[in-house]
């Protein structure tokens, strides 16, 4: 087999063989291998082949037995705000702009700093690893603290250089956001688990001048651009009022409507928008649970996919979801697409799996390294134990992953060949300390809510 030949050059290295009941490599498409083994050396997949052949090729390999499991590429969360795990459940059951302006932004003004970001990111990493996620695409303030937390845990991350047109605790103006972000990029660009995007927050929080600067930077330094777009109907009305242009036309005018664009949400798309977007080569990150919970709208997923747009999945932040569970997100995406389109064949189980693996890798520009189990790619892997009653009988493995499995069935996770979750136990994170830290922040945030409520009552008198 070609895969065996590819692995033989690594015979002198120490090999680990992961023996699993099923392996779903994602590429080739729809493949489900039974009783295969994945051979890894250091951080690289070197071969995927039948168990008997693997054992003959590497008789002295270290071995991992996964007898009731399916082995998958590590899941990719293509959009989140990891520190916002500390705001999980803080302000629920309200529409986006009330949620932001009356609750989330005041809490962030009060508390966001390096400590908040580090503690929230550690909590997010613990949650994501336990749910099979090996890489996340983040947008938040104090990204230096996020990177440090990822390095401690061994987590892979795409870090957004957040840009917004008003002062925050992280930066005082656009120049400051860009300067700090580029410094961070220069500091960490050679670290293999870290990559970067330019991350303007949204069309309604960045000016045309800022968009133009981002476009120039993207072209000059080959950055991708990660941005909330068409999340609500209000956003479109605001754009016409202030710019006399649709948000997509604004981006097009500033040179940002191109394959480097990662457009998050896209819940207010017309047929013309879809055609323009498809022609541009821009990509979409779908966050169905957050959009539904905030009543923002519904991204026309099947229409985008039919038009040839690459669509990945993100959870958004835990403050608006309220979890970072990609398996749950994939099920929601698939069944929502069927319900909206009226077609049971829309977004099948394998397509949903692609959205949180190879499609996510493509959005990040990392599909040569991530998103499938192939020789030469990074050994980012996750395993689900399918022996639970909820996933029996196993008529169709991929269907069970998407429609029946729970993230609680994730047993093992590797990032760059390093085992970060071993039989359900986190290996690089002190779970008890993460929970204690979250509880300390709960006390602080509850105090802020009480103070804001009292101030509101006093102003009403």
Protein backbone atom coordinates (compact mmCIF):
# COMPACT_ATOMS: atom_id res chain seq x y z
CA UNK A 1 0.00 0.00 0.00
CA UNK A 2 1.11 3.53 -0.66
CA UNK A 3 0.55 4.43 3.00
CA UNK A 4 2.88 1.64 4.15
CA UNK A 5 5.55 2.72 1.71
CA UNK A 6 5.21 6.27 2.99
CA UNK A 7 5.76 5.02 6.53
CA UNK A 8 8.77 2.79 5.91
CA UNK A 9 11.13 5.76 5.78
CA UNK A 10 10.32 6.29 9.47
CA UNK A 11 11.34 2.76 10.53
CA UNK A 12 14.35 4.06 12.44
CA UNK A 13 12.16 6.36 14.54
CA UNK A 14 10.09 5.41 17.56
CA UNK A 15 6.62 4.68 16.25
CA UNK A 16 3.33 4.69 18.14
CA UNK A 17 0.59 2.51 16.68
CA UNK A 18 -2.99 3.44 17.53
CA UNK A 19 -5.15 0.37 16.99
CA UNK A 20 -8.84 1.26 16.75
CA UNK A 21 -11.97 -0.67 15.88
CA UNK A 22 -12.87 1.96 13.29
CA UNK A 23 -10.91 4.76 11.65
CA UNK A 24 -12.62 7.55 9.73
CA UNK A 25 -9.78 9.46 8.03
CA UNK A 26 -12.12 11.99 6.30
CA UNK A 27 -9.86 11.76 3.25
CA UNK A 28 -10.61 9.76 1.18
CA UNK A 29 -14.21 10.82 1.50
CA UNK A 30 -16.72 8.50 3.15
CA UNK A 31 -14.03 5.94 4.01
CA UNK A 32 -14.56 3.90 7.18
CA UNK A 33 -11.76 1.45 7.94
CA UNK A 34 -12.30 -1.44 10.35
CA UNK A 35 -9.41 -2.81 12.43
CA UNK A 36 -6.86 -0.42 10.98
CA UNK A 37 -3.93 1.24 12.72
CA UNK A 38 -2.54 4.75 12.53
CA UNK A 39 1.22 5.01 12.89
CA UNK A 40 2.63 8.24 14.25
CA UNK A 41 6.22 9.41 14.76
CA UNK A 42 6.67 12.46 16.93
CA UNK A 43 4.04 14.91 15.63
CA UNK A 44 3.39 13.32 12.22
CA UNK A 45 1.08 10.62 10.88
CA UNK A 46 3.33 8.27 8.92
CA UNK A 47 0.88 5.58 7.85
CA UNK A 48 -2.67 4.27 8.05
CA UNK A 49 -3.04 0.58 7.25
CA UNK A 50 -4.57 -2.73 8.39
CA UNK A 51 -3.51 -3.72 11.89
CA UNK A 52 -1.74 -6.89 10.81
CA UNK A 53 0.43 -4.99 8.34
CA UNK A 54 1.22 -2.29 10.90
CA UNK A 55 2.34 -4.84 13.47
CA UNK A 56 4.58 -6.56 10.93
CA UNK A 57 6.11 -3.25 9.84
CA UNK A 58 6.74 -1.99 13.39
CA UNK A 59 6.94 -4.94 15.79
CA UNK A 60 8.59 -2.84 18.50
CA UNK A 61 6.21 0.11 18.35
CA UNK A 62 4.47 1.59 21.34
CA UNK A 63 0.80 0.74 21.12
CA UNK A 64 -2.55 2.24 22.11
CA UNK A 65 -5.56 -0.07 22.14
CA UNK A 66 -8.95 1.41 21.29
CA UNK A 67 -11.09 -1.73 20.86
CA UNK A 68 -14.55 -0.11 20.91
CA UNK A 69 -13.62 3.23 19.42
CA UNK A 70 -13.63 5.29 16.27
CA UNK A 71 -10.52 7.31 15.55
CA UNK A 72 -11.06 10.68 13.84
CA UNK A 73 -9.00 13.70 12.90
CA UNK A 74 -8.97 16.21 15.74
CA UNK A 75 -12.01 18.46 15.58
CA UNK A 76 -11.55 22.11 14.61
CA UNK A 77 -13.61 24.89 16.19
CA UNK A 78 -13.37 27.58 13.52
CA UNK A 79 -14.83 30.41 15.59
CA UNK A 80 -14.91 31.04 19.29
CA UNK A 81 -14.05 33.55 22.00
CA UNK A 82 -12.38 31.19 24.45
CA UNK A 83 -12.12 33.43 27.56
CA UNK A 84 -15.89 33.98 27.44
CA UNK A 85 -16.36 30.59 29.09
CA UNK A 86 -16.31 32.69 32.27
CA UNK A 87 -19.50 34.41 31.02
CA UNK A 88 -21.34 31.15 30.35
CA UNK A 89 -24.94 31.63 31.49
CA UNK A 90 -24.24 35.19 32.60
CA UNK A 91 -26.88 36.78 30.36
CA UNK A 92 -29.26 34.44 28.57
CA UNK A 93 -32.53 34.59 26.62
CA UNK A 94 -32.12 37.98 24.97
CA UNK A 95 -31.33 39.27 21.49
CA UNK A 96 -27.79 40.05 20.40
CA UNK A 97 -27.57 43.82 20.89
CA UNK A 98 -29.22 43.90 24.31
CA UNK A 99 -27.04 40.96 25.30
CA UNK A 100 -23.89 42.78 24.18
CA UNK A 101 -24.61 46.35 25.26
CA UNK A 102 -26.39 45.76 28.57
CA UNK A 103 -24.51 42.77 29.91
CA UNK A 104 -21.48 41.43 28.06
CA UNK A 105 -19.67 44.68 27.27
CA UNK A 106 -20.15 46.12 30.80
CA UNK A 107 -18.78 42.89 32.30
CA UNK A 108 -15.82 42.98 29.94
CA UNK A 109 -15.10 46.63 30.75
CA UNK A 110 -15.03 45.74 34.43
CA UNK A 111 -13.00 42.55 34.40
CA UNK A 112 -11.20 41.75 31.14
CA UNK A 113 -7.46 41.62 31.60
CA UNK A 114 -4.65 39.05 31.37
CA UNK A 115 -5.92 37.10 34.38
CA UNK A 116 -9.49 36.87 33.11
CA UNK A 117 -8.31 35.77 29.67
CA UNK A 118 -5.84 33.19 30.98
CA UNK A 119 -8.36 31.62 33.37
CA UNK A 120 -11.16 31.63 30.81
CA UNK A 121 -8.92 30.13 28.13
CA UNK A 122 -7.78 27.33 30.44
CA UNK A 123 -11.40 26.49 31.17
CA UNK A 124 -12.17 26.55 27.43
CA UNK A 125 -9.21 24.32 26.56
CA UNK A 126 -10.24 21.79 29.20
CA UNK A 127 -13.77 21.73 27.78
CA UNK A 128 -12.63 21.53 24.16
CA UNK A 129 -10.10 18.74 24.70
CA UNK A 130 -12.70 16.70 26.58
CA UNK A 131 -14.96 17.11 23.53
CA UNK A 132 -12.37 16.14 20.90
CA UNK A 133 -11.32 19.61 19.70
CA UNK A 134 -7.62 19.92 18.93
CA UNK A 135 -7.54 23.36 17.27
CA UNK A 136 -9.61 26.51 17.74
CA UNK A 137 -9.81 29.84 15.94
CA UNK A 138 -10.04 32.56 18.57
CA UNK A 139 -11.05 36.22 18.62
CA UNK A 140 -10.57 38.10 21.87
CA UNK A 141 -8.55 40.65 23.79
CA UNK A 142 -5.17 39.96 25.45
CA UNK A 143 -4.35 37.22 22.95
CA UNK A 144 -0.90 36.92 24.53
CA UNK A 145 -2.57 35.37 27.58
CA UNK A 146 -4.52 32.99 25.33
CA UNK A 147 -1.33 31.85 23.62
CA UNK A 148 0.41 31.27 26.95
CA UNK A 149 -2.50 29.14 28.18
CA UNK A 150 -2.41 27.11 24.94
CA UNK A 151 1.32 26.55 25.25
CA UNK A 152 0.91 25.32 28.82
CA UNK A 153 -1.73 22.81 27.73
CA UNK A 154 -0.22 21.79 24.37
CA UNK A 155 -3.28 23.06 22.48
CA UNK A 156 -3.25 24.25 18.86
CA UNK A 157 -4.80 27.65 18.14
CA UNK A 158 -5.31 30.20 15.40
CA UNK A 159 -5.11 33.54 17.18
CA UNK A 160 -7.04 36.55 16.00
CA UNK A 161 -5.39 39.95 15.98
CA UNK A 162 -8.55 41.65 17.20
CA UNK A 163 -9.23 45.09 15.71
CA UNK A 164 -12.08 47.38 16.73
CA UNK A 165 -12.62 51.13 16.41
CA UNK A 166 -12.89 51.93 20.10
CA UNK A 167 -10.69 51.68 23.16
CA UNK A 168 -10.66 48.56 25.31
CA UNK A 169 -8.47 47.30 28.11
CA UNK A 170 -6.25 45.66 25.47
CA UNK A 171 -5.61 48.64 23.18
CA UNK A 172 -6.49 52.32 22.93
CA UNK A 173 -7.05 52.67 19.16
CA UNK A 174 -6.68 50.90 15.81
CA UNK A 175 -2.97 51.68 15.61
CA UNK A 176 -2.48 50.12 19.02
CA UNK A 177 -4.47 46.97 18.15
CA UNK A 178 -2.45 46.43 14.99
CA UNK A 179 0.90 47.24 16.59
CA UNK A 180 0.34 44.85 19.50
CA UNK A 181 -1.04 42.15 17.23
CA UNK A 182 1.88 42.28 14.80
CA UNK A 183 4.35 42.22 17.68
CA UNK A 184 2.66 39.09 18.98
CA UNK A 185 2.78 37.57 15.51
CA UNK A 186 6.51 38.24 15.24
CA UNK A 187 7.05 36.75 18.70
CA UNK A 188 5.18 33.49 18.04
CA UNK A 189 5.16 32.99 14.25
CA UNK A 190 7.69 30.14 14.38
CA UNK A 191 5.80 28.18 17.04
CA UNK A 192 4.16 25.23 15.23
CA UNK A 193 0.97 25.19 17.34
CA UNK A 194 0.21 28.89 16.78
CA UNK A 195 -1.07 30.69 13.68
CA UNK A 196 -2.68 34.11 13.22
CA UNK A 197 -5.50 35.93 11.47
CA UNK A 198 -6.47 39.58 11.28
CA UNK A 199 -9.77 39.79 13.18
CA UNK A 200 -11.79 42.98 12.73
CA UNK A 201 -14.78 42.53 15.00
CA UNK A 202 -17.69 43.35 12.66
CA UNK A 203 -18.72 45.84 9.96
CA UNK A 204 -20.56 47.95 12.52
CA UNK A 205 -17.50 48.32 14.78
CA UNK A 206 -14.83 49.14 12.17
CA UNK A 207 -14.64 52.07 9.77
CA UNK A 208 -13.90 52.05 6.05
CA UNK A 209 -10.40 53.36 6.77
CA UNK A 210 -9.79 50.48 9.16
CA UNK A 211 -11.12 47.96 6.66
CA UNK A 212 -8.78 49.37 4.02
CA UNK A 213 -5.78 49.08 6.35
CA UNK A 214 -6.72 45.48 7.11
CA UNK A 215 -7.00 44.72 3.40
CA UNK A 216 -3.52 46.12 2.76
CA UNK A 217 -2.05 44.17 5.68
CA UNK A 218 -3.75 40.98 4.56
CA UNK A 219 -2.32 41.30 1.05
CA UNK A 220 1.16 42.32 2.15
CA UNK A 221 1.61 39.76 4.93
CA UNK A 222 -0.67 36.97 3.64
CA UNK A 223 -2.99 37.10 6.62
CA UNK A 224 -6.46 35.65 6.49
CA UNK A 225 -9.25 37.92 7.75
CA UNK A 226 -11.66 36.57 10.35
CA UNK A 227 -14.79 38.68 10.88
CA UNK A 228 -18.39 38.53 12.12
CA UNK A 229 -20.57 39.23 9.09
CA UNK A 230 -24.33 39.38 8.40
CA UNK A 231 -25.17 38.13 11.88
CA UNK A 232 -28.39 40.15 12.25
CA UNK A 233 -30.86 42.11 10.15
CA UNK A 234 -29.95 45.19 12.19
CA UNK A 235 -26.39 45.00 10.84
CA UNK A 236 -27.61 45.41 7.26
CA UNK A 237 -29.87 48.35 8.15
CA UNK A 238 -27.03 50.03 10.04
CA UNK A 239 -24.71 49.62 7.07
CA UNK A 240 -27.12 51.30 4.67
CA UNK A 241 -27.77 54.11 7.15
CA UNK A 242 -24.10 54.88 7.77
CA UNK A 243 -22.40 53.81 4.54
CA UNK A 244 -25.18 53.55 1.93
CA UNK A 245 -23.86 50.08 1.13
CA UNK A 246 -24.63 46.49 2.01
CA UNK A 247 -21.95 45.03 4.35
CA UNK A 248 -20.72 42.64 1.65
CA UNK A 249 -20.43 45.56 -0.80
CA UNK A 250 -18.41 47.49 1.79
CA UNK A 251 -15.96 44.61 2.11
CA UNK A 252 -15.81 44.26 -1.66
CA UNK A 253 -15.09 47.98 -2.05
CA UNK A 254 -12.21 47.73 0.43
CA UNK A 255 -10.71 44.67 -1.26
CA UNK A 256 -11.65 42.16 1.44
CA UNK A 257 -14.10 39.97 -0.47
CA UNK A 258 -11.62 37.29 -1.53
CA UNK A 259 -10.46 33.77 -0.53
CA UNK A 260 -8.70 35.14 2.56
CA UNK A 261 -12.01 36.12 4.14
CA UNK A 262 -13.42 33.94 6.94
CA UNK A 263 -16.98 35.25 7.30
CA UNK A 264 -18.58 34.20 10.57
CA UNK A 265 -22.36 33.69 10.93
CA UNK A 266 -23.79 34.79 7.55
CA UNK A 267 -27.33 34.46 8.87
CA UNK A 268 -28.84 37.18 6.63
CA UNK A 269 -27.98 36.04 3.13
CA UNK A 270 -29.96 36.64 -0.05
CA UNK A 271 -29.61 34.57 -3.23
CA UNK A 272 -27.57 37.39 -4.81
CA UNK A 273 -25.29 37.49 -1.75
CA UNK A 274 -24.64 33.77 -2.05
CA UNK A 275 -23.75 34.04 -5.73
CA UNK A 276 -21.37 36.96 -5.10
CA UNK A 277 -19.79 35.20 -2.17
CA UNK A 278 -19.29 31.98 -4.09
CA UNK A 279 -17.64 33.81 -6.97
CA UNK A 280 -15.25 35.58 -4.60
CA UNK A 281 -13.89 32.37 -3.09
CA UNK A 282 -14.49 33.68 0.43
CA UNK A 283 -15.29 31.12 3.13
CA UNK A 284 -17.96 30.85 5.83
CA UNK A 285 -17.94 29.76 9.46
CA UNK A 286 -21.39 28.56 10.52
CA UNK A 287 -22.37 28.89 14.22
CA UNK A 288 -25.94 27.55 14.28
CA UNK A 289 -26.51 27.16 18.02
CA UNK A 290 -25.39 30.70 18.87
CA UNK A 291 -27.45 32.16 16.01
CA UNK A 292 -30.53 30.26 17.14
CA UNK A 293 -30.11 31.12 20.82
CA UNK A 294 -29.69 34.84 20.11
CA UNK A 295 -32.51 34.75 17.52
CA UNK A 296 -30.08 36.31 15.03
CA UNK A 297 -31.16 34.32 12.00
CA UNK A 298 -30.32 31.11 10.15
CA UNK A 299 -27.44 30.68 7.75
CA UNK A 300 -28.69 29.00 4.52
CA UNK A 301 -26.12 26.24 4.81
CA UNK A 302 -27.27 23.90 2.05
CA UNK A 303 -27.54 26.77 -0.45
CA UNK A 304 -24.00 27.90 0.35
CA UNK A 305 -22.67 24.39 -0.03
CA UNK A 306 -24.57 23.87 -3.28
CA UNK A 307 -22.96 27.08 -4.56
CA UNK A 308 -19.51 25.66 -3.82
CA UNK A 309 -18.70 27.78 -0.75
CA UNK A 310 -16.43 26.11 1.81
CA UNK A 311 -18.31 26.13 5.12
CA UNK A 312 -16.76 25.23 8.46
CA UNK A 313 -18.27 25.04 11.93
CA UNK A 314 -17.73 27.13 15.04
CA UNK A 315 -19.39 27.21 18.41
CA UNK A 316 -19.04 30.95 18.99
CA UNK A 317 -18.27 31.80 22.61
CA UNK A 318 -19.68 29.88 25.55
CA UNK A 319 -21.49 33.06 26.61
CA UNK A 320 -23.85 32.69 23.65
CA UNK A 321 -23.97 28.94 23.00
CA UNK A 322 -23.46 27.89 25.98
CA UNK A 323 -20.87 25.21 25.25
CA UNK A 324 -17.86 24.49 23.04
CA UNK A 325 -19.11 21.10 21.88
CA UNK A 326 -18.38 20.52 18.19
CA UNK A 327 -20.21 17.20 17.96
CA UNK A 328 -23.39 18.85 19.22
CA UNK A 329 -22.80 21.75 16.81
CA UNK A 330 -22.44 19.39 13.86
CA UNK A 331 -25.72 17.65 14.66
CA UNK A 332 -27.50 21.00 14.95
CA UNK A 333 -26.03 22.17 11.62
CA UNK A 334 -27.14 19.03 9.81
CA UNK A 335 -30.69 18.77 11.14
CA UNK A 336 -31.28 22.53 10.89
CA UNK A 337 -30.24 22.46 7.22
CA UNK A 338 -32.71 19.65 6.58
CA UNK A 339 -35.52 21.48 8.35
CA UNK A 340 -34.90 24.80 6.60
CA UNK A 341 -34.49 23.32 3.12
CA UNK A 342 -37.24 20.72 3.44
CA UNK A 343 -34.81 18.13 2.06
CA UNK A 344 -33.78 15.18 4.20
CA UNK A 345 -30.69 14.69 1.99
CA UNK A 346 -29.37 18.19 2.73
CA UNK A 347 -26.06 18.17 4.64
CA UNK A 348 -25.58 14.47 5.26
CA UNK A 349 -23.63 13.03 8.18
CA UNK A 350 -20.30 12.89 6.35
CA UNK A 351 -20.65 16.50 5.19
CA UNK A 352 -21.30 17.53 8.80
CA UNK A 353 -18.13 15.69 9.83
CA UNK A 354 -16.18 17.47 7.09
CA UNK A 355 -17.38 20.82 8.40
CA UNK A 356 -15.61 20.28 11.72
CA UNK A 357 -12.48 18.70 10.25
CA UNK A 358 -11.18 19.28 6.71
CA UNK A 359 -13.42 22.28 6.00
CA UNK A 360 -12.22 23.95 9.18
CA UNK A 361 -8.62 23.24 8.25
CA UNK A 362 -9.25 24.81 4.84
CA UNK A 363 -10.78 27.93 6.42
CA UNK A 364 -7.65 28.33 8.54
CA UNK A 365 -5.38 27.74 5.55
CA UNK A 366 -4.01 24.64 7.30
CA UNK A 367 -5.56 21.86 5.22
CA UNK A 368 -2.08 20.66 4.22
CA UNK A 369 -1.47 19.92 7.92
CA UNK A 370 -4.83 19.27 9.60
CA UNK A 371 -8.36 18.04 9.05
CA UNK A 372 -7.77 14.46 7.91
CA UNK A 373 -5.70 11.43 8.88
CA UNK A 374 -3.14 11.18 6.09
CA UNK A 375 0.58 10.44 5.95
CA UNK A 376 2.57 13.62 6.38
CA UNK A 377 -0.14 15.50 8.26
CA UNK A 378 -0.01 16.48 11.89
CA UNK A 379 -1.02 13.79 14.39
CA UNK A 380 -4.03 15.70 15.72
CA UNK A 381 -6.50 12.93 16.56
CA UNK A 382 -9.49 12.17 18.73
CA UNK A 383 -11.17 8.90 19.69
CA UNK A 384 -14.79 8.23 20.67
CA UNK A 385 -15.87 5.14 22.59
CA UNK A 386 -18.88 3.84 20.68
CA UNK A 387 -19.68 1.00 23.07
CA UNK A 388 -22.24 3.10 24.97
CA UNK A 389 -25.94 2.21 24.62
CA UNK A 390 -26.55 5.55 22.89
CA UNK A 391 -24.41 4.53 19.90
CA UNK A 392 -25.50 0.91 19.52
CA UNK A 393 -26.05 -0.86 17.20
CA UNK A 394 -23.45 0.44 14.77
CA UNK A 395 -25.23 0.25 11.43
CA UNK A 396 -23.39 3.33 10.09
CA UNK A 397 -20.40 4.68 12.01
CA UNK A 398 -20.44 8.25 10.69
CA UNK A 399 -24.18 8.59 11.18
CA UNK A 400 -23.79 7.49 14.79
CA UNK A 401 -21.05 10.07 15.34
CA UNK A 402 -23.19 12.94 14.08
CA UNK A 403 -26.72 11.99 15.12
CA UNK A 404 -26.27 9.83 18.22
CA UNK A 405 -22.86 10.28 19.85
CA UNK A 406 -22.14 12.65 22.70
CA UNK A 407 -18.92 14.51 23.42
CA UNK A 408 -18.93 12.60 26.74
CA UNK A 409 -17.84 9.59 24.65
CA UNK A 410 -14.56 11.24 23.65
CA UNK A 411 -11.88 9.22 25.40
CA UNK A 412 -8.53 10.22 23.95
CA UNK A 413 -7.03 13.22 22.16
CA UNK A 414 -3.63 13.86 20.61
CA UNK A 415 -2.29 17.23 19.45
CA UNK A 416 0.89 17.07 17.36
CA UNK A 417 1.33 13.48 18.54
CA UNK A 418 1.13 14.39 22.22
CA UNK A 419 -1.62 12.64 24.18
CA UNK A 420 -3.52 15.39 26.00
CA UNK A 421 -6.56 13.31 26.96
CA UNK A 422 -5.93 9.74 28.10
CA UNK A 423 -8.99 7.56 28.79
CA UNK A 424 -10.97 10.67 29.68
CA UNK A 425 -8.29 12.22 31.89
CA UNK A 426 -6.69 15.55 31.00
CA UNK A 427 -2.91 15.19 31.06
CA UNK A 428 -1.72 18.82 30.97
CA UNK A 429 -4.49 20.68 32.82
CA UNK A 430 -5.32 20.70 36.53
CA UNK A 431 -9.09 20.30 36.26
CA UNK A 432 -9.72 21.05 39.94
CA UNK A 433 -7.82 24.33 39.75
CA UNK A 434 -9.61 25.32 36.54
CA UNK A 435 -12.96 24.82 38.27
CA UNK A 436 -11.85 26.69 41.41
CA UNK A 437 -10.77 29.60 39.23
CA UNK A 438 -14.11 29.65 37.39
CA UNK A 439 -15.94 29.77 40.71
CA UNK A 440 -13.86 32.75 41.86
CA UNK A 441 -14.85 34.63 38.70
CA UNK A 442 -18.48 33.69 39.28
CA UNK A 443 -18.42 35.52 42.62
CA UNK A 444 -16.93 38.63 41.01
CA UNK A 445 -19.38 38.65 38.09
CA UNK A 446 -22.39 38.06 40.34
CA UNK A 447 -21.32 41.06 42.40
CA UNK A 448 -21.23 43.23 39.27
CA UNK A 449 -24.74 42.12 38.28
CA UNK A 450 -26.06 42.98 41.74
CA UNK A 451 -24.42 46.41 41.62
CA UNK A 452 -25.80 47.16 38.15
CA UNK A 453 -29.28 46.10 39.24
CA UNK A 454 -29.14 48.35 42.31
CA UNK A 455 -27.93 51.28 40.21
CA UNK A 456 -30.83 50.72 37.80
CA UNK A 457 -33.32 50.71 40.66
CA UNK A 458 -31.86 53.90 42.13
CA UNK A 459 -31.97 55.72 38.79
CA UNK A 460 -35.64 54.78 38.41
CA UNK A 461 -36.54 56.45 41.75
